């Protein structure tokens, strides 16, 4: 089975990471989706950081404010 998720090694090879259902629970749950807009500074960052809910950060959003559970970026 091919996966769209992978880790990039230092030699630029891709290591497939099957995340499908890895974080799935018995019921649907929440996830913080954190973008890099100016409103991030208006959010309760301490509450987000201390929350048990997973955090998905896009590009470098939230850097120096919190550590994401999941992180994605794309630069051509």
C-alpha atoms as a PDB file:
ATOM      1  CA  UNK A   1       0.000   0.000   0.000  1.00  0.00           C
ATOM      2  CA  UNK A   2       1.385   3.402  -0.967  1.00  0.00           C
ATOM      3  CA  UNK A   3       1.187   6.186   1.569  1.00  0.00           C
ATOM      4  CA  UNK A   4       1.169   9.925   0.992  1.00  0.00           C
ATOM      5  CA  UNK A   5       2.995  10.509   4.275  1.00  0.00           C
ATOM      6  CA  UNK A   6       6.743  10.190   4.570  1.00  0.00           C
ATOM      7  CA  UNK A   7       9.783  11.390   6.455  1.00  0.00           C
ATOM      8  CA  UNK A   8      12.604  12.921   4.481  1.00  0.00           C
ATOM      9  CA  UNK A   9      16.005  11.571   5.473  1.00  0.00           C
ATOM     10  CA  UNK A  10      19.175  13.668   5.428  1.00  0.00           C
ATOM     11  CA  UNK A  11      20.249  11.928   2.210  1.00  0.00           C
ATOM     12  CA  UNK A  12      16.941  13.073   0.630  1.00  0.00           C
ATOM     13  CA  UNK A  13      15.448   9.570   0.521  1.00  0.00           C
ATOM     14  CA  UNK A  14      11.834   9.158   1.574  1.00  0.00           C
ATOM     15  CA  UNK A  15      10.842   6.833   4.396  1.00  0.00           C
ATOM     16  CA  UNK A  16       7.130   5.944   4.102  1.00  0.00           C
ATOM     17  CA  UNK A  17       5.165   6.504   7.306  1.00  0.00           C
ATOM     18  CA  UNK A  18       1.738   4.852   7.374  1.00  0.00           C
ATOM     19  CA  UNK A  19      -0.283   7.338   9.446  1.00  0.00           C
ATOM     20  CA  UNK A  20      -3.629   5.985   8.277  1.00  0.00           C
ATOM     21  CA  UNK A  21      -5.657   5.098  11.383  1.00  0.00           C
ATOM     22  CA  UNK A  22      -2.591   5.546  13.611  1.00  0.00           C
ATOM     23  CA  UNK A  23      -4.282   8.346  15.507  1.00  0.00           C
ATOM     24  CA  UNK A  24      -7.838   7.146  14.976  1.00  0.00           C
ATOM     25  CA  UNK A  25      -9.954   6.751  18.070  1.00  0.00           C
ATOM     26  CA  UNK A  26     -13.253   4.958  18.615  1.00  0.00           C
ATOM     27  CA  UNK A  27     -15.121   8.232  18.020  1.00  0.00           C
ATOM     28  CA  UNK A  28     -14.419  11.367  15.979  1.00  0.00           C
ATOM     29  CA  UNK A  29     -12.312  13.904  17.844  1.00  0.00           C
ATOM     30  CA  UNK A  30     -10.994  17.433  17.528  1.00  0.00           C
ATOM     31  CA  UNK A  31      -7.684  18.701  16.196  1.00  0.00           C
ATOM     32  CA  UNK A  32      -6.172  22.180  16.407  1.00  0.00           C
ATOM     33  CA  UNK A  33      -5.398  23.401  12.868  1.00  0.00           C
ATOM     34  CA  UNK A  34      -2.843  26.184  13.132  1.00  0.00           C
ATOM     35  CA  UNK A  35      -2.059  28.465  10.222  1.00  0.00           C
ATOM     36  CA  UNK A  36       0.367  31.343  10.013  1.00  0.00           C
ATOM     37  CA  UNK A  37      -2.043  34.259   9.881  1.00  0.00           C
ATOM     38  CA  UNK A  38      -1.861  37.296  12.180  1.00  0.00           C
ATOM     39  CA  UNK A  39      -4.795  36.031  14.262  1.00  0.00           C
ATOM     40  CA  UNK A  40      -2.551  33.351  15.793  1.00  0.00           C
ATOM     41  CA  UNK A  41      -1.215  35.933  18.241  1.00  0.00           C
ATOM     42  CA  UNK A  42      -4.795  36.590  19.400  1.00  0.00           C
ATOM     43  CA  UNK A  43      -5.467  32.929  20.260  1.00  0.00           C
ATOM     44  CA  UNK A  44      -5.023  31.430  23.740  1.00  0.00           C
ATOM     45  CA  UNK A  45      -1.666  29.842  22.859  1.00  0.00           C
ATOM     46  CA  UNK A  46      -1.102  28.614  26.437  1.00  0.00           C
ATOM     47  CA  UNK A  47      -4.456  26.811  26.352  1.00  0.00           C
ATOM     48  CA  UNK A  48      -3.648  25.266  22.957  1.00  0.00           C
ATOM     49  CA  UNK A  49      -0.162  24.214  24.131  1.00  0.00           C
ATOM     50  CA  UNK A  50      -1.516  22.558  27.297  1.00  0.00           C
ATOM     51  CA  UNK A  51      -4.464  20.883  25.568  1.00  0.00           C
ATOM     52  CA  UNK A  52      -4.380  17.098  24.988  1.00  0.00           C
ATOM     53  CA  UNK A  53      -5.903  17.688  21.536  1.00  0.00           C
ATOM     54  CA  UNK A  54      -3.405  17.108  18.665  1.00  0.00           C
ATOM     55  CA  UNK A  55      -1.989  20.196  16.917  1.00  0.00           C
ATOM     56  CA  UNK A  56      -1.542  20.318  13.126  1.00  0.00           C
ATOM     57  CA  UNK A  57       0.707  23.212  12.027  1.00  0.00           C
ATOM     58  CA  UNK A  58       1.080  24.416   8.456  1.00  0.00           C
ATOM     59  CA  UNK A  59       4.510  25.621   7.288  1.00  0.00           C
ATOM     60  CA  UNK A  60       6.218  27.444  10.158  1.00  0.00           C
ATOM     61  CA  UNK A  61       3.023  28.545  11.862  1.00  0.00           C
ATOM     62  CA  UNK A  62       3.252  28.636  15.603  1.00  0.00           C
ATOM     63  CA  UNK A  63       7.029  28.277  15.650  1.00  0.00           C
ATOM     64  CA  UNK A  64       8.484  29.510  18.926  1.00  0.00           C
ATOM     65  CA  UNK A  65       4.953  29.465  20.394  1.00  0.00           C
ATOM     66  CA  UNK A  66       4.140  25.744  20.557  1.00  0.00           C
ATOM     67  CA  UNK A  67       5.277  22.358  19.308  1.00  0.00           C
ATOM     68  CA  UNK A  68       2.974  20.615  16.808  1.00  0.00           C
ATOM     69  CA  UNK A  69       1.861  17.003  16.935  1.00  0.00           C
ATOM     70  CA  UNK A  70       1.731  17.033  13.129  1.00  0.00           C
ATOM     71  CA  UNK A  71       3.513  19.420  10.803  1.00  0.00           C
ATOM     72  CA  UNK A  72       3.370  19.914   7.071  1.00  0.00           C
ATOM     73  CA  UNK A  73       4.992  22.255   4.584  1.00  0.00           C
ATOM     74  CA  UNK A  74       5.452  22.700   0.912  1.00  0.00           C
ATOM     75  CA  UNK A  75       8.065  24.772  -0.820  1.00  0.00           C
ATOM     76  CA  UNK A  76       8.619  24.226  -4.550  1.00  0.00           C
END
